[in-house]
Amino acid sequence: MSLKLRITDDWKAAMKAGDRARKDTLSLLQAAIKQKQVDERIELDDAGVIAVIEKMLKQRKDSITQYEAAKRQDLADAEKFEAEVLAGYMPQGLTAAEIEAIVSAAVTSSGAKGPADMGKVIGLVKPQVAGRADMGEISKLVKAKLAGA
């Protein structure tokens, strides 16, 4: 079952169960997917849907930080719930050891010599970890490896 179908089925189940918060979150996700498809005139596959979910999760994390800084715990809790729902559609994350191995292999295969070659390494790593690891952490790890290279 494709990810879009799973999201639609879960949305229907939430509506039937009367779970308004979950239904609303899934409605937002479906709208974001539809918007991306209309804007780019393409039919999104699972990788495209995961990219949309990643973007929404990042927005939720930013909102949570801002709401907590403004002492609006009610809004922060709502965003946390939405983030939990969205995270349920992300693929299983990679362990630190798996990420380390992927980055090391990419540094070796690209022949990277220093920080100037970071783009090459990130270009090799990104397709392998898309949706399964935080690219900010990957970037830090690559930078550290290349600084020591």
C-alpha atoms as a PDB file:
ATOM      1  CA  MET A   1       0.000   0.000   0.000  1.00  0.00           C
ATOM      2  CA  SER A   2       1.377   3.379  -0.961  1.00  0.00           C
ATOM      3  CA  LEU A   3       1.947   5.998   1.692  1.00  0.00           C
ATOM      4  CA  LYS A   4      -0.734   8.298   0.228  1.00  0.00           C
ATOM      5  CA  LEU A   5      -3.323   5.515   0.420  1.00  0.00           C
ATOM      6  CA  ARG A   6      -2.313   4.740   3.994  1.00  0.00           C
ATOM      7  CA  ILE A   7      -2.713   8.396   4.947  1.00  0.00           C
ATOM      8  CA  THR A   8      -6.149   8.528   3.290  1.00  0.00           C
ATOM      9  CA  ASP A   9      -7.259   5.321   5.024  1.00  0.00           C
ATOM     10  CA  ASP A  10      -6.038   6.633   8.404  1.00  0.00           C
ATOM     11  CA  TRP A  11      -7.865   9.920   7.768  1.00  0.00           C
ATOM     12  CA  LYS A  12     -11.101   8.030   7.098  1.00  0.00           C
ATOM     13  CA  ALA A  13     -10.606   5.901  10.225  1.00  0.00           C
ATOM     14  CA  ALA A  14      -9.971   9.022  12.348  1.00  0.00           C
ATOM     15  CA  MET A  15     -13.108  10.637  10.957  1.00  0.00           C
ATOM     16  CA  LYS A  16     -15.217   7.551  11.731  1.00  0.00           C
ATOM     17  CA  ALA A  17     -13.724   7.300  15.221  1.00  0.00           C
ATOM     18  CA  GLY A  18     -14.416  10.970  15.931  1.00  0.00           C
ATOM     19  CA  ASP A  19     -10.721  11.694  16.535  1.00  0.00           C
ATOM     20  CA  ARG A  20     -10.866  15.310  15.400  1.00  0.00           C
ATOM     21  CA  ALA A  21      -7.251  16.280  16.205  1.00  0.00           C
ATOM     22  CA  ARG A  22      -5.813  13.348  14.233  1.00  0.00           C
ATOM     23  CA  LYS A  23      -8.239  13.936  11.341  1.00  0.00           C
ATOM     24  CA  ASP A  24      -7.286  17.616  11.191  1.00  0.00           C
ATOM     25  CA  THR A  25      -3.568  16.777  11.127  1.00  0.00           C
ATOM     26  CA  LEU A  26      -4.054  14.233   8.365  1.00  0.00           C
ATOM     27  CA  SER A  27      -6.183  16.748   6.440  1.00  0.00           C
ATOM     28  CA  LEU A  28      -3.313  19.238   6.611  1.00  0.00           C
ATOM     29  CA  LEU A  29      -0.937  16.546   5.356  1.00  0.00           C
ATOM     30  CA  GLN A  30      -3.231  15.625   2.468  1.00  0.00           C
ATOM     31  CA  ALA A  31      -3.575  19.302   1.544  1.00  0.00           C
ATOM     32  CA  ALA A  32       0.215  19.751   1.545  1.00  0.00           C
ATOM     33  CA  ILE A  33       0.642  16.669  -0.667  1.00  0.00           C
ATOM     34  CA  LYS A  34      -2.066  17.880  -3.051  1.00  0.00           C
ATOM     35  CA  GLN A  35      -0.508  21.369  -3.166  1.00  0.00           C
ATOM     36  CA  LYS A  36       2.888  19.909  -4.084  1.00  0.00           C
ATOM     37  CA  GLN A  37       1.316  17.776  -6.820  1.00  0.00           C
ATOM     38  CA  VAL A  38      -0.580  20.738  -8.284  1.00  0.00           C
ATOM     39  CA  ASP A  39       2.392  23.098  -8.095  1.00  0.00           C
ATOM     40  CA  GLU A  40       4.781  20.693  -9.796  1.00  0.00           C
ATOM     41  CA  ARG A  41       2.192  18.974 -12.025  1.00  0.00           C
ATOM     42  CA  ILE A  42       3.374  15.522 -10.942  1.00  0.00           C
ATOM     43  CA  GLU A  43       2.009  12.531  -9.068  1.00  0.00           C
ATOM     44  CA  LEU A  44       4.039  12.141  -5.856  1.00  0.00           C
ATOM     45  CA  ASP A  45       5.536   8.759  -5.060  1.00  0.00           C
ATOM     46  CA  ASP A  46       6.390   7.642  -1.518  1.00  0.00           C
ATOM     47  CA  ALA A  47       9.725   9.519  -1.584  1.00  0.00           C
ATOM     48  CA  GLY A  48       7.931  12.734  -2.525  1.00  0.00           C
ATOM     49  CA  VAL A  49       5.359  12.228   0.229  1.00  0.00           C
ATOM     50  CA  ILE A  50       8.167  11.649   2.747  1.00  0.00           C
ATOM     51  CA  ALA A  51       9.789  14.915   1.633  1.00  0.00           C
ATOM     52  CA  VAL A  52       6.485  16.736   2.285  1.00  0.00           C
ATOM     53  CA  ILE A  53       6.216  15.100   5.721  1.00  0.00           C
ATOM     54  CA  GLU A  54       9.824  16.055   6.544  1.00  0.00           C
ATOM     55  CA  LYS A  55       9.079  19.675   5.678  1.00  0.00           C
ATOM     56  CA  MET A  56       5.956  19.664   7.851  1.00  0.00           C
ATOM     57  CA  LEU A  57       7.857  18.077  10.760  1.00  0.00           C
ATOM     58  CA  LYS A  58      10.528  20.758  10.522  1.00  0.00           C
ATOM     59  CA  GLN A  59       7.825  23.445  10.609  1.00  0.00           C
ATOM     60  CA  ARG A  60       6.279  21.792  13.680  1.00  0.00           C
ATOM     61  CA  LYS A  61       9.630  21.680  15.491  1.00  0.00           C
ATOM     62  CA  ASP A  62      10.215  25.369  14.781  1.00  0.00           C
ATOM     63  CA  SER A  63       6.700  26.231  15.986  1.00  0.00           C
ATOM     64  CA  ILE A  64       7.123  24.211  19.177  1.00  0.00           C
ATOM     65  CA  THR A  65      10.342  26.087  19.983  1.00  0.00           C
ATOM     66  CA  GLN A  66       8.706  29.460  19.397  1.00  0.00           C
ATOM     67  CA  TYR A  67       5.549  28.609  21.346  1.00  0.00           C
ATOM     68  CA  GLU A  68       7.555  27.378  24.318  1.00  0.00           C
ATOM     69  CA  ALA A  69       9.698  30.514  24.242  1.00  0.00           C
ATOM     70  CA  ALA A  70       6.474  32.574  24.311  1.00  0.00           C
ATOM     71  CA  LYS A  71       5.147  30.418  27.187  1.00  0.00           C
ATOM     72  CA  ARG A  72       2.187  29.154  25.121  1.00  0.00           C
ATOM     73  CA  GLN A  73       2.224  25.539  26.260  1.00  0.00           C
ATOM     74  CA  ASP A  74      -1.296  24.888  24.906  1.00  0.00           C
ATOM     75  CA  LEU A  75      -0.188  25.675  21.356  1.00  0.00           C
ATOM     76  CA  ALA A  76       3.110  23.836  21.813  1.00  0.00           C
ATOM     77  CA  ASP A  77       1.216  20.710  22.931  1.00  0.00           C
ATOM     78  CA  ALA A  78      -1.016  20.884  19.845  1.00  0.00           C
ATOM     79  CA  GLU A  79       2.061  21.120  17.596  1.00  0.00           C
ATOM     80  CA  LYS A  80       3.706  18.210  19.457  1.00  0.00           C
ATOM     81  CA  PHE A  81       0.637  16.070  18.818  1.00  0.00           C
ATOM     82  CA  GLU A  82       0.721  16.945  15.121  1.00  0.00           C
ATOM     83  CA  ALA A  83       4.446  16.138  14.982  1.00  0.00           C
ATOM     84  CA  GLU A  84       3.796  12.728  16.583  1.00  0.00           C
ATOM     85  CA  VAL A  85       1.086  11.939  14.028  1.00  0.00           C
ATOM     86  CA  LEU A  86       3.316  13.003  11.138  1.00  0.00           C
ATOM     87  CA  ALA A  87       6.326  11.112  12.496  1.00  0.00           C
ATOM     88  CA  GLY A  88       4.264   7.925  12.341  1.00  0.00           C
ATOM     89  CA  TYR A  89       4.491   8.064   8.546  1.00  0.00           C
ATOM     90  CA  MET A  90       8.259   8.454   8.390  1.00  0.00           C
ATOM     91  CA  PRO A  91      10.437   5.416   7.631  1.00  0.00           C
ATOM     92  CA  GLN A  92      12.389   3.772  10.444  1.00  0.00           C
ATOM     93  CA  GLY A  93      15.337   5.987  11.424  1.00  0.00           C
ATOM     94  CA  LEU A  94      18.953   4.978  11.046  1.00  0.00           C
ATOM     95  CA  THR A  95      21.163   4.285  14.036  1.00  0.00           C
ATOM     96  CA  ALA A  96      24.235   6.426  14.705  1.00  0.00           C
ATOM     97  CA  ALA A  97      26.492   3.533  13.648  1.00  0.00           C
ATOM     98  CA  GLU A  98      24.639   3.130  10.323  1.00  0.00           C
ATOM     99  CA  ILE A  99      24.884   6.855   9.624  1.00  0.00           C
ATOM    100  CA  GLU A 100      28.589   6.817  10.497  1.00  0.00           C
ATOM    101  CA  ALA A 101      29.171   3.915   8.087  1.00  0.00           C
ATOM    102  CA  ILE A 102      27.279   5.620   5.244  1.00  0.00           C
ATOM    103  CA  VAL A 103      29.196   8.890   5.726  1.00  0.00           C
ATOM    104  CA  SER A 104      32.555   7.096   5.935  1.00  0.00           C
ATOM    105  CA  ALA A 105      31.830   5.147   2.753  1.00  0.00           C
ATOM    106  CA  ALA A 106      30.781   8.352   0.964  1.00  0.00           C
ATOM    107  CA  VAL A 107      33.954  10.182   2.040  1.00  0.00           C
ATOM    108  CA  THR A 108      36.062   7.281   0.796  1.00  0.00           C
ATOM    109  CA  SER A 109      34.223   6.769  -2.510  1.00  0.00           C
ATOM    110  CA  SER A 110      34.141  10.493  -3.368  1.00  0.00           C
ATOM    111  CA  GLY A 111      37.836  10.916  -2.647  1.00  0.00           C
ATOM    112  CA  ALA A 112      37.091  13.956  -0.508  1.00  0.00           C
ATOM    113  CA  LYS A 113      40.224  15.603   0.856  1.00  0.00           C
ATOM    114  CA  GLY A 114      38.862  18.471   2.929  1.00  0.00           C
ATOM    115  CA  PRO A 115      35.928  20.736   3.780  1.00  0.00           C
ATOM    116  CA  ALA A 116      35.803  22.060   0.205  1.00  0.00           C
ATOM    117  CA  ASP A 117      34.590  18.609  -0.915  1.00  0.00           C
ATOM    118  CA  MET A 118      31.614  18.605   1.462  1.00  0.00           C
ATOM    119  CA  GLY A 119      29.103  19.045  -1.382  1.00  0.00           C
ATOM    120  CA  LYS A 120      30.320  15.871  -3.095  1.00  0.00           C
ATOM    121  CA  VAL A 121      29.955  13.841   0.084  1.00  0.00           C
ATOM    122  CA  ILE A 122      26.517  15.244   0.973  1.00  0.00           C
ATOM    123  CA  GLY A 123      25.408  14.515  -2.608  1.00  0.00           C
ATOM    124  CA  LEU A 124      26.292  10.848  -2.124  1.00  0.00           C
ATOM    125  CA  VAL A 125      24.859  10.560   1.390  1.00  0.00           C
ATOM    126  CA  LYS A 126      21.530  12.353   0.942  1.00  0.00           C
ATOM    127  CA  PRO A 127      19.798   9.766  -1.307  1.00  0.00           C
ATOM    128  CA  GLN A 128      20.780   6.966   1.087  1.00  0.00           C
ATOM    129  CA  VAL A 129      19.437   8.616   4.242  1.00  0.00           C
ATOM    130  CA  ALA A 130      16.500  10.642   2.871  1.00  0.00           C
ATOM    131  CA  GLY A 131      13.731  10.663   5.444  1.00  0.00           C
ATOM    132  CA  ARG A 132      15.607   8.405   7.833  1.00  0.00           C
ATOM    133  CA  ALA A 133      18.065  10.860   9.383  1.00  0.00           C
ATOM    134  CA  ASP A 134      18.320  14.581  10.155  1.00  0.00           C
ATOM    135  CA  MET A 135      20.369  16.248   7.431  1.00  0.00           C
ATOM    136  CA  GLY A 136      21.607  18.842   9.934  1.00  0.00           C
ATOM    137  CA  GLU A 137      23.262  16.080  11.956  1.00  0.00           C
ATOM    138  CA  ILE A 138      24.601  14.470   8.768  1.00  0.00           C
ATOM    139  CA  SER A 139      26.126  17.792   7.752  1.00  0.00           C
ATOM    140  CA  LYS A 140      27.869  18.162  11.129  1.00  0.00           C
ATOM    141  CA  LEU A 141      29.234  14.618  10.891  1.00  0.00           C
ATOM    142  CA  VAL A 142      30.525  15.144   7.337  1.00  0.00           C
ATOM    143  CA  LYS A 143      32.127  18.440   8.349  1.00  0.00           C
ATOM    144  CA  ALA A 144      33.855  16.780  11.313  1.00  0.00           C
ATOM    145  CA  LYS A 145      35.107  13.884   9.152  1.00  0.00           C
ATOM    146  CA  LEU A 146      36.440  16.203   6.461  1.00  0.00           C
ATOM    147  CA  ALA A 147      38.111  18.487   8.997  1.00  0.00           C
ATOM    148  CA  GLY A 148      40.022  15.480  10.272  1.00  0.00           C
ATOM    149  CA  ALA A 149      40.761  14.115   6.775  1.00  0.00           C
END
